[in-house]
Amino acid sequence: MMVLQSHHLEPIETIFLTPLVRDGQRALTSVDLAIEFRSESLLLALAESAGVPKAGYGPAIASLAAYEDEIRRALDRLFTGF
């Protein structure tokens, strides 16, 4: 899972998560993003993002900041259609 929300929302009790799935485990959509993470090909499945309670989730273990521009473009496609 990857947290997509801003640190400005830290006080609220939910987090906005997006699943990371192994490439090939599901059909690729126009809002999915193929990434390499720890030498593994994964998909950031943005269409399956959801707000969930923070309880049970620990601290971040890594960052996908190198994909920030691609993530923003994929989110634009998800929310605006282009």
PDB file of N, CA and C in Angstrom:
ATOM      1  N   MET A   1       0.841  -1.179   0.000  1.00  0.00           N
ATOM      2  CA  MET A   1       0.000   0.000   0.000  1.00  0.00           C
ATOM      3  C   MET A   1       0.886   1.243   0.000  1.00  0.00           C
ATOM      4  N   MET A   2       0.365   2.266  -0.621  1.00  0.00           N
ATOM      5  CA  MET A   2       1.075   3.540  -0.670  1.00  0.00           C
ATOM      6  C   MET A   2       0.142   4.640  -0.192  1.00  0.00           C
ATOM      7  N   VAL A   3       0.623   5.488   0.704  1.00  0.00           N
ATOM      8  CA  VAL A   3      -0.146   6.632   1.185  1.00  0.00           C
ATOM      9  C   VAL A   3      -0.015   7.745   0.163  1.00  0.00           C
ATOM     10  N   LEU A   4      -1.152   8.324  -0.245  1.00  0.00           N
ATOM     11  CA  LEU A   4      -1.136   9.395  -1.237  1.00  0.00           C
ATOM     12  C   LEU A   4      -1.525  10.758  -0.684  1.00  0.00           C
ATOM     13  N   GLN A   5      -1.891  10.839   0.571  1.00  0.00           N
ATOM     14  CA  GLN A   5      -2.354  12.131   1.062  1.00  0.00           C
ATOM     15  C   GLN A   5      -1.218  12.992   1.591  1.00  0.00           C
ATOM     16  N   SER A   6      -1.476  14.264   1.614  1.00  0.00           N
ATOM     17  CA  SER A   6      -0.524  15.259   2.083  1.00  0.00           C
ATOM     18  C   SER A   6      -0.309  15.157   3.592  1.00  0.00           C
ATOM     19  N   HIS A   7       0.867  15.585   4.026  1.00  0.00           N
ATOM     20  CA  HIS A   7       1.150  15.653   5.457  1.00  0.00           C
ATOM     21  C   HIS A   7       0.247  16.662   6.164  1.00  0.00           C
ATOM     22  N   HIS A   8      -0.403  17.534   5.411  1.00  0.00           N
ATOM     23  CA  HIS A   8      -1.314  18.516   6.008  1.00  0.00           C
ATOM     24  C   HIS A   8      -2.545  17.842   6.614  1.00  0.00           C
ATOM     25  N   LEU A   9      -2.810  16.612   6.228  1.00  0.00           N
ATOM     26  CA  LEU A   9      -3.968  15.887   6.750  1.00  0.00           C
ATOM     27  C   LEU A   9      -3.603  14.953   7.900  1.00  0.00           C
ATOM     28  N   GLU A  10      -2.416  15.089   8.417  1.00  0.00           N
ATOM     29  CA  GLU A  10      -1.942  14.244   9.506  1.00  0.00           C
ATOM     30  C   GLU A  10      -2.902  14.189  10.705  1.00  0.00           C
ATOM     31  N   PRO A  11      -3.569  15.289  11.085  1.00  0.00           N
ATOM     32  CA  PRO A  11      -4.436  15.242  12.268  1.00  0.00           C
ATOM     33  C   PRO A  11      -5.688  14.357  12.122  1.00  0.00           C
ATOM     34  N   ILE A  12      -6.116  14.058  10.913  1.00  0.00           N
ATOM     35  CA  ILE A  12      -7.335  13.270  10.790  1.00  0.00           C
ATOM     36  C   ILE A  12      -7.039  11.788  11.004  1.00  0.00           C
ATOM     37  N   GLU A  13      -8.072  11.009  11.299  1.00  0.00           N
ATOM     38  CA  GLU A  13      -7.909   9.611  11.681  1.00  0.00           C
ATOM     39  C   GLU A  13      -7.939   8.632  10.507  1.00  0.00           C
ATOM     40  N   THR A  14      -7.921   9.152   9.277  1.00  0.00           N
ATOM     41  CA  THR A  14      -7.905   8.269   8.113  1.00  0.00           C
ATOM     42  C   THR A  14      -6.706   8.594   7.233  1.00  0.00           C
ATOM     43  N   ILE A  15      -6.372   7.637   6.378  1.00  0.00           N
ATOM     44  CA  ILE A  15      -5.327   7.859   5.382  1.00  0.00           C
ATOM     45  C   ILE A  15      -5.850   7.387   4.030  1.00  0.00           C
ATOM     46  N   PHE A  16      -5.362   8.018   2.972  1.00  0.00           N
ATOM     47  CA  PHE A  16      -5.756   7.684   1.607  1.00  0.00           C
ATOM     48  C   PHE A  16      -4.693   6.759   1.038  1.00  0.00           C
ATOM     49  N   LEU A  17      -5.053   5.500   0.845  1.00  0.00           N
ATOM     50  CA  LEU A  17      -4.114   4.471   0.401  1.00  0.00           C
ATOM     51  C   LEU A  17      -4.411   4.012  -1.012  1.00  0.00           C
ATOM     52  N   THR A  18      -3.350   3.611  -1.693  1.00  0.00           N
ATOM     53  CA  THR A  18      -3.453   3.018  -3.021  1.00  0.00           C
ATOM     54  C   THR A  18      -2.695   1.695  -3.007  1.00  0.00           C
ATOM     55  N   PRO A  19      -3.328   0.630  -3.490  1.00  0.00           N
ATOM     56  CA  PRO A  19      -2.626  -0.657  -3.510  1.00  0.00           C
ATOM     57  C   PRO A  19      -1.490  -0.683  -4.523  1.00  0.00           C
ATOM     58  N   LEU A  20      -0.447  -1.400  -4.181  1.00  0.00           N
ATOM     59  CA  LEU A  20       0.624  -1.756  -5.101  1.00  0.00           C
ATOM     60  C   LEU A  20       0.434  -3.242  -5.400  1.00  0.00           C
ATOM     61  N   VAL A  21       0.260  -3.585  -6.659  1.00  0.00           N
ATOM     62  CA  VAL A  21       0.055  -4.984  -7.030  1.00  0.00           C
ATOM     63  C   VAL A  21       1.146  -5.418  -7.988  1.00  0.00           C
ATOM     64  N   ARG A  22       1.435  -6.699  -7.969  1.00  0.00           N
ATOM     65  CA  ARG A  22       2.442  -7.227  -8.886  1.00  0.00           C
ATOM     66  C   ARG A  22       1.951  -7.083 -10.313  1.00  0.00           C
ATOM     67  N   ASP A  23       2.837  -6.639 -11.167  1.00  0.00           N
ATOM     68  CA  ASP A  23       2.523  -6.491 -12.589  1.00  0.00           C
ATOM     69  C   ASP A  23       2.049  -7.837 -13.120  1.00  0.00           C
ATOM     70  N   GLY A  24       0.940  -7.839 -13.837  1.00  0.00           N
ATOM     71  CA  GLY A  24       0.394  -9.057 -14.401  1.00  0.00           C
ATOM     72  C   GLY A  24      -0.707  -9.683 -13.557  1.00  0.00           C
ATOM     73  N   GLN A  25      -0.917  -9.193 -12.325  1.00  0.00           N
ATOM     74  CA  GLN A  25      -1.961  -9.752 -11.466  1.00  0.00           C
ATOM     75  C   GLN A  25      -3.347  -9.229 -11.809  1.00  0.00           C
ATOM     76  N   ARG A  26      -3.414  -8.170 -12.559  1.00  0.00           N
ATOM     77  CA  ARG A  26      -4.711  -7.631 -12.971  1.00  0.00           C
ATOM     78  C   ARG A  26      -4.511  -6.821 -14.235  1.00  0.00           C
ATOM     79  N   ALA A  27      -5.601  -6.510 -14.893  1.00  0.00           N
ATOM     80  CA  ALA A  27      -5.538  -5.753 -16.142  1.00  0.00           C
ATOM     81  C   ALA A  27      -5.062  -4.327 -15.864  1.00  0.00           C
ATOM     82  N   LEU A  28      -4.248  -3.820 -16.742  1.00  0.00           N
ATOM     83  CA  LEU A  28      -3.744  -2.454 -16.644  1.00  0.00           C
ATOM     84  C   LEU A  28      -4.807  -1.490 -17.147  1.00  0.00           C
ATOM     85  N   THR A  29      -5.078  -0.421 -16.366  1.00  0.00           N
ATOM     86  CA  THR A  29      -6.015   0.619 -16.792  1.00  0.00           C
ATOM     87  C   THR A  29      -5.230   1.886 -17.103  1.00  0.00           C
ATOM     88  N   SER A  30      -5.913   2.874 -17.643  1.00  0.00           N
ATOM     89  CA  SER A  30      -5.237   4.127 -18.004  1.00  0.00           C
ATOM     90  C   SER A  30      -4.832   4.947 -16.784  1.00  0.00           C
ATOM     91  N   VAL A  31      -5.306   4.575 -15.598  1.00  0.00           N
ATOM     92  CA  VAL A  31      -4.915   5.310 -14.392  1.00  0.00           C
ATOM     93  C   VAL A  31      -3.954   4.510 -13.518  1.00  0.00           C
ATOM     94  N   ASP A  32      -3.588   3.310 -13.939  1.00  0.00           N
ATOM     95  CA  ASP A  32      -2.554   2.555 -13.226  1.00  0.00           C
ATOM     96  C   ASP A  32      -1.189   3.092 -13.629  1.00  0.00           C
ATOM     97  N   LEU A  33      -0.243   2.916 -12.767  1.00  0.00           N
ATOM     98  CA  LEU A  33       1.104   3.389 -13.038  1.00  0.00           C
ATOM     99  C   LEU A  33       2.089   2.257 -12.781  1.00  0.00           C
ATOM    100  N   ALA A  34       2.833   1.874 -13.809  1.00  0.00           N
ATOM    101  CA  ALA A  34       3.860   0.849 -13.663  1.00  0.00           C
ATOM    102  C   ALA A  34       5.085   1.471 -13.015  1.00  0.00           C
ATOM    103  N   ILE A  35       5.584   0.825 -11.968  1.00  0.00           N
ATOM    104  CA  ILE A  35       6.768   1.320 -11.269  1.00  0.00           C
ATOM    105  C   ILE A  35       7.716   0.158 -10.985  1.00  0.00           C
ATOM    106  N   GLU A  36       8.953   0.499 -10.688  1.00  0.00           N
ATOM    107  CA  GLU A  36       9.942  -0.459 -10.196  1.00  0.00           C
ATOM    108  C   GLU A  36      10.174  -0.125  -8.734  1.00  0.00           C
ATOM    109  N   PHE A  37      10.038  -1.125  -7.887  1.00  0.00           N
ATOM    110  CA  PHE A  37      10.258  -0.924  -6.457  1.00  0.00           C
ATOM    111  C   PHE A  37      11.004  -2.123  -5.914  1.00  0.00           C
ATOM    112  N   ARG A  38      12.192  -1.883  -5.386  1.00  0.00           N
ATOM    113  CA  ARG A  38      13.036  -2.952  -4.849  1.00  0.00           C
ATOM    114  C   ARG A  38      13.221  -4.074  -5.866  1.00  0.00           C
ATOM    115  N   SER A  39      13.536  -3.674  -7.089  1.00  0.00           N
ATOM    116  CA  SER A  39      13.801  -4.595  -8.208  1.00  0.00           C
ATOM    117  C   SER A  39      12.592  -5.433  -8.600  1.00  0.00           C
ATOM    118  N   GLU A  40      11.405  -4.964  -8.297  1.00  0.00           N
ATOM    119  CA  GLU A  40      10.183  -5.680  -8.663  1.00  0.00           C
ATOM    120  C   GLU A  40       9.292  -4.760  -9.494  1.00  0.00           C
ATOM    121  N   SER A  41       8.677  -5.312 -10.540  1.00  0.00           N
ATOM    122  CA  SER A  41       7.728  -4.550 -11.364  1.00  0.00           C
ATOM    123  C   SER A  41       6.364  -4.589 -10.682  1.00  0.00           C
ATOM    124  N   LEU A  42       5.853  -3.403 -10.354  1.00  0.00           N
ATOM    125  CA  LEU A  42       4.568  -3.282  -9.656  1.00  0.00           C
ATOM    126  C   LEU A  42       3.671  -2.300 -10.387  1.00  0.00           C
ATOM    127  N   LEU A  43       2.392  -2.370 -10.061  1.00  0.00           N
ATOM    128  CA  LEU A  43       1.423  -1.383 -10.546  1.00  0.00           C
ATOM    129  C   LEU A  43       0.888  -0.617  -9.352  1.00  0.00           C
ATOM    130  N   LEU A  44       0.856   0.678  -9.468  1.00  0.00           N
ATOM    131  CA  LEU A  44       0.187   1.531  -8.498  1.00  0.00           C
ATOM    132  C   LEU A  44      -1.258   1.605  -8.978  1.00  0.00           C
ATOM    133  N   ALA A  45      -2.159   0.920  -8.299  1.00  0.00           N
ATOM    134  CA  ALA A  45      -3.544   0.751  -8.746  1.00  0.00           C
ATOM    135  C   ALA A  45      -4.420   1.904  -8.250  1.00  0.00           C
ATOM    136  N   LEU A  46      -4.286   3.059  -8.884  1.00  0.00           N
ATOM    137  CA  LEU A  46      -4.953   4.276  -8.411  1.00  0.00           C
ATOM    138  C   LEU A  46      -6.482   4.183  -8.420  1.00  0.00           C
ATOM    139  N   ALA A  47      -7.051   3.429  -9.332  1.00  0.00           N
ATOM    140  CA  ALA A  47      -8.509   3.304  -9.382  1.00  0.00           C
ATOM    141  C   ALA A  47      -9.060   2.558  -8.165  1.00  0.00           C
ATOM    142  N   GLU A  48      -8.194   1.901  -7.418  1.00  0.00           N
ATOM    143  CA  GLU A  48      -8.613   1.153  -6.234  1.00  0.00           C
ATOM    144  C   GLU A  48      -8.248   1.871  -4.942  1.00  0.00           C
ATOM    145  N   SER A  49      -7.913   3.143  -5.020  1.00  0.00           N
ATOM    146  CA  SER A  49      -7.559   3.936  -3.841  1.00  0.00           C
ATOM    147  C   SER A  49      -8.761   4.101  -2.934  1.00  0.00           C
ATOM    148  N   ALA A  50      -8.482   4.255  -1.634  1.00  0.00           N
ATOM    149  CA  ALA A  50      -9.567   4.430  -0.667  1.00  0.00           C
ATOM    150  C   ALA A  50      -9.041   5.089   0.597  1.00  0.00           C
ATOM    151  N   GLY A  51      -9.923   5.784   1.271  1.00  0.00           N
ATOM    152  CA  GLY A  51      -9.623   6.307   2.593  1.00  0.00           C
ATOM    153  C   GLY A  51      -9.936   5.233   3.614  1.00  0.00           C
ATOM    154  N   VAL A  52      -8.995   4.952   4.494  1.00  0.00           N
ATOM    155  CA  VAL A  52      -9.168   3.907   5.502  1.00  0.00           C
ATOM    156  C   VAL A  52      -8.703   4.427   6.861  1.00  0.00           C
ATOM    157  N   PRO A  53      -9.184   3.811   7.950  1.00  0.00           N
ATOM    158  CA  PRO A  53      -8.710   4.225   9.270  1.00  0.00           C
ATOM    159  C   PRO A  53      -7.197   4.024   9.408  1.00  0.00           C
ATOM    160  N   LYS A  54      -6.543   4.950  10.075  1.00  0.00           N
ATOM    161  CA  LYS A  54      -5.095   4.873  10.274  1.00  0.00           C
ATOM    162  C   LYS A  54      -4.681   3.710  11.168  1.00  0.00           C
ATOM    163  N   ALA A  55      -5.551   3.332  12.079  1.00  0.00           N
ATOM    164  CA  ALA A  55      -5.203   2.286  13.046  1.00  0.00           C
ATOM    165  C   ALA A  55      -4.699   1.044  12.323  1.00  0.00           C
ATOM    166  N   GLY A  56      -3.582   0.538  12.767  1.00  0.00           N
ATOM    167  CA  GLY A  56      -3.034  -0.673  12.189  1.00  0.00           C
ATOM    168  C   GLY A  56      -1.963  -0.439  11.144  1.00  0.00           C
ATOM    169  N   TYR A  57      -1.776   0.798  10.721  1.00  0.00           N
ATOM    170  CA  TYR A  57      -0.730   1.098   9.743  1.00  0.00           C
ATOM    171  C   TYR A  57       0.431   1.768  10.443  1.00  0.00           C
ATOM    172  N   GLY A  58       1.615   1.236  10.226  1.00  0.00           N
ATOM    173  CA  GLY A  58       2.817   1.771  10.852  1.00  0.00           C
ATOM    174  C   GLY A  58       3.430   2.885  10.026  1.00  0.00           C
ATOM    175  N   PRO A  59       4.652   3.241  10.348  1.00  0.00           N
ATOM    176  CA  PRO A  59       5.336   4.312   9.622  1.00  0.00           C
ATOM    177  C   PRO A  59       5.716   3.880   8.211  1.00  0.00           C
ATOM    178  N   ALA A  60       5.982   4.849   7.383  1.00  0.00           N
ATOM    179  CA  ALA A  60       6.403   4.579   6.000  1.00  0.00           C
ATOM    180  C   ALA A  60       7.717   3.810   5.997  1.00  0.00           C
ATOM    181  N   ILE A  61       7.851   2.917   5.009  1.00  0.00           N
ATOM    182  CA  ILE A  61       9.089   2.149   4.895  1.00  0.00           C
ATOM    183  C   ILE A  61       9.912   2.578   3.685  1.00  0.00           C
ATOM    184  N   ALA A  62       9.299   3.364   2.792  1.00  0.00           N
ATOM    185  CA  ALA A  62       9.998   3.819   1.592  1.00  0.00           C
ATOM    186  C   ALA A  62       9.223   4.975   0.985  1.00  0.00           C
ATOM    187  N   SER A  63       9.819   5.577  -0.024  1.00  0.00           N
ATOM    188  CA  SER A  63       9.182   6.689  -0.718  1.00  0.00           C
ATOM    189  C   SER A  63       9.169   6.413  -2.213  1.00  0.00           C
ATOM    190  N   LEU A  64       8.099   6.832  -2.852  1.00  0.00           N
ATOM    191  CA  LEU A  64       8.022   6.777  -4.309  1.00  0.00           C
ATOM    192  C   LEU A  64       8.073   8.181  -4.892  1.00  0.00           C
ATOM    193  N   ALA A  65       8.759   9.097  -4.211  1.00  0.00           N
ATOM    194  CA  ALA A  65       8.860  10.492  -4.645  1.00  0.00           C
ATOM    195  C   ALA A  65       9.426  10.611  -6.053  1.00  0.00           C
ATOM    196  N   ALA A  66      10.244   9.674  -6.468  1.00  0.00           N
ATOM    197  CA  ALA A  66      10.804   9.720  -7.823  1.00  0.00           C
ATOM    198  C   ALA A  66       9.713   9.608  -8.886  1.00  0.00           C
ATOM    199  N   TYR A  67       8.549   9.115  -8.507  1.00  0.00           N
ATOM    200  CA  TYR A  67       7.426   8.956  -9.430  1.00  0.00           C
ATOM    201  C   TYR A  67       6.367  10.053  -9.263  1.00  0.00           C
ATOM    202  N   GLU A  68       6.693  11.107  -8.535  1.00  0.00           N
ATOM    203  CA  GLU A  68       5.705  12.133  -8.212  1.00  0.00           C
ATOM    204  C   GLU A  68       4.988  12.689  -9.444  1.00  0.00           C
ATOM    205  N   ASP A  69       5.711  13.059 -10.478  1.00  0.00           N
ATOM    206  CA  ASP A  69       5.065  13.625 -11.669  1.00  0.00           C
ATOM    207  C   ASP A  69       4.139  12.620 -12.334  1.00  0.00           C
ATOM    208  N   GLU A  70       4.584  11.377 -12.464  1.00  0.00           N
ATOM    209  CA  GLU A  70       3.753  10.343 -13.073  1.00  0.00           C
ATOM    210  C   GLU A  70       2.506  10.073 -12.242  1.00  0.00           C
ATOM    211  N   ILE A  71       2.650  10.081 -10.912  1.00  0.00           N
ATOM    212  CA  ILE A  71       1.501   9.867 -10.021  1.00  0.00           C
ATOM    213  C   ILE A  71       0.503  11.007 -10.181  1.00  0.00           C
ATOM    214  N   ARG A  72       0.983  12.239 -10.236  1.00  0.00           N
ATOM    215  CA  ARG A  72       0.079  13.382 -10.418  1.00  0.00           C
ATOM    216  C   ARG A  72      -0.687  13.288 -11.738  1.00  0.00           C
ATOM    217  N   ARG A  73       0.004  12.906 -12.814  1.00  0.00           N
ATOM    218  CA  ARG A  73      -0.674  12.761 -14.108  1.00  0.00           C
ATOM    219  C   ARG A  73      -1.721  11.651 -14.059  1.00  0.00           C
ATOM    220  N   ALA A  74      -1.400  10.542 -13.404  1.00  0.00           N
ATOM    221  CA  ALA A  74      -2.359   9.443 -13.285  1.00  0.00           C
ATOM    222  C   ALA A  74      -3.561   9.864 -12.439  1.00  0.00           C
ATOM    223  N   LEU A  75      -3.325  10.628 -11.376  1.00  0.00           N
ATOM    224  CA  LEU A  75      -4.440  11.129 -10.561  1.00  0.00           C
ATOM    225  C   LEU A  75      -5.312  12.094 -11.363  1.00  0.00           C
ATOM    226  N   ASP A  76      -4.686  12.917 -12.206  1.00  0.00           N
ATOM    227  CA  ASP A  76      -5.472  13.791 -13.089  1.00  0.00           C
ATOM    228  C   ASP A  76      -6.377  12.966 -13.991  1.00  0.00           C
ATOM    229  N   ARG A  77      -5.849  11.878 -14.555  1.00  0.00           N
ATOM    230  CA  ARG A  77      -6.675  11.013 -15.403  1.00  0.00           C
ATOM    231  C   ARG A  77      -7.807  10.395 -14.597  1.00  0.00           C
ATOM    232  N   LEU A  78      -7.506   9.995 -13.354  1.00  0.00           N
ATOM    233  CA  LEU A  78      -8.525   9.384 -12.495  1.00  0.00           C
ATOM    234  C   LEU A  78      -9.652  10.348 -12.171  1.00  0.00           C
ATOM    235  N   PHE A  79      -9.306  11.579 -11.777  1.00  0.00           N
ATOM    236  CA  PHE A  79     -10.315  12.513 -11.285  1.00  0.00           C
ATOM    237  C   PHE A  79     -10.899  13.433 -12.357  1.00  0.00           C
ATOM    238  N   THR A  80     -10.152  13.686 -13.422  1.00  0.00           N
ATOM    239  CA  THR A  80     -10.666  14.624 -14.431  1.00  0.00           C
ATOM    240  C   THR A  80     -10.869  13.998 -15.803  1.00  0.00           C
ATOM    241  N   GLY A  81     -10.282  12.821 -16.019  1.00  0.00           N
ATOM    242  CA  GLY A  81     -10.435  12.157 -17.314  1.00  0.00           C
ATOM    243  C   GLY A  81      -9.356  12.463 -18.313  1.00  0.00           C
ATOM    244  N   PHE A  82      -8.423  13.351 -17.972  1.00  0.00           N
ATOM    245  CA  PHE A  82      -7.291  13.611 -18.857  1.00  0.00           C
ATOM    246  C   PHE A  82      -6.057  13.959 -18.080  1.00  0.00           C
TER     247      PHE A  82
END
